[in-house]
Amino acid sequence: MAEKLAAEKLEYLLPQELDLLAAEGLKCKLLDLVHHEGDLTLDGREVERVSTPCVEILVAAESAFYESGRKLRIYEPSDTLSDAFKSLGLVAEIEKWSVS
């Protein structure tokens, strides 16, 4: 997993497996990043499996960034990641957060 912490931009490569086993690690990583300055860009290109708890964690993280006046974006979400959001009725969210 690659990450880069800079003054105004945070980046994090989402793992291939965002399943139930990955949920706790994802939550801890995003909680850590919330405490750094700057907007967060998640690289979603490599995601091959997604669980509902991981989508919920991503939604909560976006809310935390928004409440602190910052943005969370997902760079090139994989089809799997996009489909997981869409199957949960979160089409607007994945489209709003997506960048390429």
C-alpha atoms as a PDB file:
ATOM      1  CA  MET A   1       0.000   0.000   0.000  1.00  0.00           C
ATOM      2  CA  ALA A   2       1.400   3.294  -1.042  1.00  0.00           C
ATOM      3  CA  GLU A   3       0.733   6.467   0.816  1.00  0.00           C
ATOM      4  CA  LYS A   4       2.030   9.987   0.611  1.00  0.00           C
ATOM      5  CA  LEU A   5       1.534  12.614   3.253  1.00  0.00           C
ATOM      6  CA  ALA A   6       2.037  16.184   2.132  1.00  0.00           C
ATOM      7  CA  ALA A   7       0.973  19.544   3.499  1.00  0.00           C
ATOM      8  CA  GLU A   8      -2.159  19.833   1.376  1.00  0.00           C
ATOM      9  CA  LYS A   9      -2.713  16.471  -0.309  1.00  0.00           C
ATOM     10  CA  LEU A  10      -3.066  12.982   1.106  1.00  0.00           C
ATOM     11  CA  GLU A  11      -3.044   9.882  -1.086  1.00  0.00           C
ATOM     12  CA  TYR A  12      -3.791   6.252  -0.240  1.00  0.00           C
ATOM     13  CA  LEU A  13      -3.869   3.188  -2.488  1.00  0.00           C
ATOM     14  CA  LEU A  14      -6.887   1.084  -1.588  1.00  0.00           C
ATOM     15  CA  PRO A  15      -6.050  -2.631  -1.319  1.00  0.00           C
ATOM     16  CA  GLN A  16      -7.351  -5.203  -3.798  1.00  0.00           C
ATOM     17  CA  GLU A  17      -9.420  -6.864  -1.098  1.00  0.00           C
ATOM     18  CA  LEU A  18     -11.833  -4.584   0.750  1.00  0.00           C
ATOM     19  CA  ASP A  19     -13.660  -7.505   2.321  1.00  0.00           C
ATOM     20  CA  LEU A  20     -14.823  -7.972   5.895  1.00  0.00           C
ATOM     21  CA  LEU A  21     -11.310  -8.942   7.005  1.00  0.00           C
ATOM     22  CA  ALA A  22      -9.955  -5.646   5.636  1.00  0.00           C
ATOM     23  CA  ALA A  23     -12.587  -3.439   7.289  1.00  0.00           C
ATOM     24  CA  GLU A  24     -10.803  -2.857  10.609  1.00  0.00           C
ATOM     25  CA  GLY A  25      -7.492  -2.006   8.903  1.00  0.00           C
ATOM     26  CA  LEU A  26      -9.239   0.352   6.488  1.00  0.00           C
ATOM     27  CA  LYS A  27     -11.014   2.082   9.359  1.00  0.00           C
ATOM     28  CA  CYS A  28      -7.750   2.548  11.293  1.00  0.00           C
ATOM     29  CA  LYS A  29      -5.909   3.892   8.244  1.00  0.00           C
ATOM     30  CA  LEU A  30      -8.651   6.370   7.354  1.00  0.00           C
ATOM     31  CA  LEU A  31      -8.961   7.514  10.978  1.00  0.00           C
ATOM     32  CA  ASP A  32      -5.240   8.215  10.921  1.00  0.00           C
ATOM     33  CA  LEU A  33      -5.502  10.162   7.663  1.00  0.00           C
ATOM     34  CA  VAL A  34      -8.431  12.236   8.966  1.00  0.00           C
ATOM     35  CA  HIS A  35      -6.028  13.661  11.559  1.00  0.00           C
ATOM     36  CA  HIS A  36      -3.627  14.959   8.888  1.00  0.00           C
ATOM     37  CA  GLU A  37      -4.087  18.241   7.050  1.00  0.00           C
ATOM     38  CA  GLY A  38      -5.342  18.297   3.463  1.00  0.00           C
ATOM     39  CA  ASP A  39      -7.759  16.598   1.111  1.00  0.00           C
ATOM     40  CA  LEU A  40      -7.587  12.829   0.617  1.00  0.00           C
ATOM     41  CA  THR A  41      -7.424  11.012  -2.709  1.00  0.00           C
ATOM     42  CA  LEU A  42      -8.001   7.275  -2.566  1.00  0.00           C
ATOM     43  CA  ASP A  43      -6.665   5.278  -5.508  1.00  0.00           C
ATOM     44  CA  GLY A  44      -9.361   2.715  -6.291  1.00  0.00           C
ATOM     45  CA  ARG A  45      -7.939   1.186  -9.465  1.00  0.00           C
ATOM     46  CA  GLU A  46      -6.831  -2.097  -7.879  1.00  0.00           C
ATOM     47  CA  VAL A  47      -9.950  -2.935  -5.848  1.00  0.00           C
ATOM     48  CA  GLU A  48     -11.251  -6.384  -6.809  1.00  0.00           C
ATOM     49  CA  ARG A  49     -13.526  -7.253  -3.884  1.00  0.00           C
ATOM     50  CA  VAL A  50     -15.661  -4.978  -1.687  1.00  0.00           C
ATOM     51  CA  SER A  51     -17.832  -5.643   1.357  1.00  0.00           C
ATOM     52  CA  THR A  52     -20.654  -3.464   2.641  1.00  0.00           C
ATOM     53  CA  PRO A  53     -18.752  -2.628   5.859  1.00  0.00           C
ATOM     54  CA  CYS A  54     -15.876  -1.203   3.810  1.00  0.00           C
ATOM     55  CA  VAL A  55     -18.282   0.939   1.785  1.00  0.00           C
ATOM     56  CA  GLU A  56     -19.772   2.168   5.061  1.00  0.00           C
ATOM     57  CA  ILE A  57     -16.281   3.065   6.300  1.00  0.00           C
ATOM     58  CA  LEU A  58     -15.567   5.010   3.116  1.00  0.00           C
ATOM     59  CA  VAL A  59     -18.861   6.893   3.492  1.00  0.00           C
ATOM     60  CA  ALA A  60     -18.042   7.727   7.121  1.00  0.00           C
ATOM     61  CA  ALA A  61     -14.555   8.897   6.144  1.00  0.00           C
ATOM     62  CA  GLU A  62     -15.953  11.182   3.459  1.00  0.00           C
ATOM     63  CA  SER A  63     -18.333  12.631   6.022  1.00  0.00           C
ATOM     64  CA  ALA A  64     -15.460  13.289   8.443  1.00  0.00           C
ATOM     65  CA  PHE A  65     -13.438  15.043   5.745  1.00  0.00           C
ATOM     66  CA  TYR A  66     -16.473  17.078   4.653  1.00  0.00           C
ATOM     67  CA  GLU A  67     -17.233  18.156   8.223  1.00  0.00           C
ATOM     68  CA  SER A  68     -13.677  19.439   8.578  1.00  0.00           C
ATOM     69  CA  GLY A  69     -13.930  21.456   5.345  1.00  0.00           C
ATOM     70  CA  ARG A  70     -11.887  19.028   3.256  1.00  0.00           C
ATOM     71  CA  LYS A  71     -12.581  16.639   0.396  1.00  0.00           C
ATOM     72  CA  LEU A  72     -12.290  12.911  -0.114  1.00  0.00           C
ATOM     73  CA  ARG A  73     -11.964  11.755  -3.711  1.00  0.00           C
ATOM     74  CA  ILE A  74     -11.585   8.312  -5.291  1.00  0.00           C
ATOM     75  CA  TYR A  75      -9.184   8.218  -8.217  1.00  0.00           C
ATOM     76  CA  GLU A  76     -10.331   5.851 -10.954  1.00  0.00           C
ATOM     77  CA  PRO A  77     -12.542   3.548  -8.883  1.00  0.00           C
ATOM     78  CA  SER A  78     -12.542   0.026 -10.277  1.00  0.00           C
ATOM     79  CA  ASP A  79     -15.762  -1.350 -11.733  1.00  0.00           C
ATOM     80  CA  THR A  80     -16.033  -3.572  -8.654  1.00  0.00           C
ATOM     81  CA  LEU A  81     -15.812  -0.595  -6.299  1.00  0.00           C
ATOM     82  CA  SER A  82     -18.291   1.442  -8.345  1.00  0.00           C
ATOM     83  CA  ASP A  83     -20.716  -1.493  -8.528  1.00  0.00           C
ATOM     84  CA  ALA A  84     -20.567  -1.971  -4.742  1.00  0.00           C
ATOM     85  CA  PHE A  85     -21.616   1.643  -4.202  1.00  0.00           C
ATOM     86  CA  LYS A  86     -24.330   1.375  -6.856  1.00  0.00           C
ATOM     87  CA  SER A  87     -25.774  -1.835  -5.384  1.00  0.00           C
ATOM     88  CA  LEU A  88     -26.188   0.005  -2.067  1.00  0.00           C
ATOM     89  CA  GLY A  89     -27.977   2.946  -3.689  1.00  0.00           C
ATOM     90  CA  LEU A  90     -24.929   5.207  -3.429  1.00  0.00           C
ATOM     91  CA  VAL A  91     -24.648   6.125  -7.109  1.00  0.00           C
ATOM     92  CA  ALA A  92     -24.534   9.856  -6.391  1.00  0.00           C
ATOM     93  CA  GLU A  93     -21.742   9.422  -3.865  1.00  0.00           C
ATOM     94  CA  ILE A  94     -19.405   7.379  -6.068  1.00  0.00           C
ATOM     95  CA  GLU A  95     -20.011   9.724  -9.003  1.00  0.00           C
ATOM     96  CA  LYS A  96     -19.398  12.810  -6.856  1.00  0.00           C
ATOM     97  CA  TRP A  97     -16.178  11.439  -5.348  1.00  0.00           C
ATOM     98  CA  SER A  98     -14.735   9.939  -8.556  1.00  0.00           C
ATOM     99  CA  VAL A  99     -11.865  11.606 -10.384  1.00  0.00           C
ATOM    100  CA  SER A 100      -9.688  10.387 -13.234  1.00  0.00           C
END
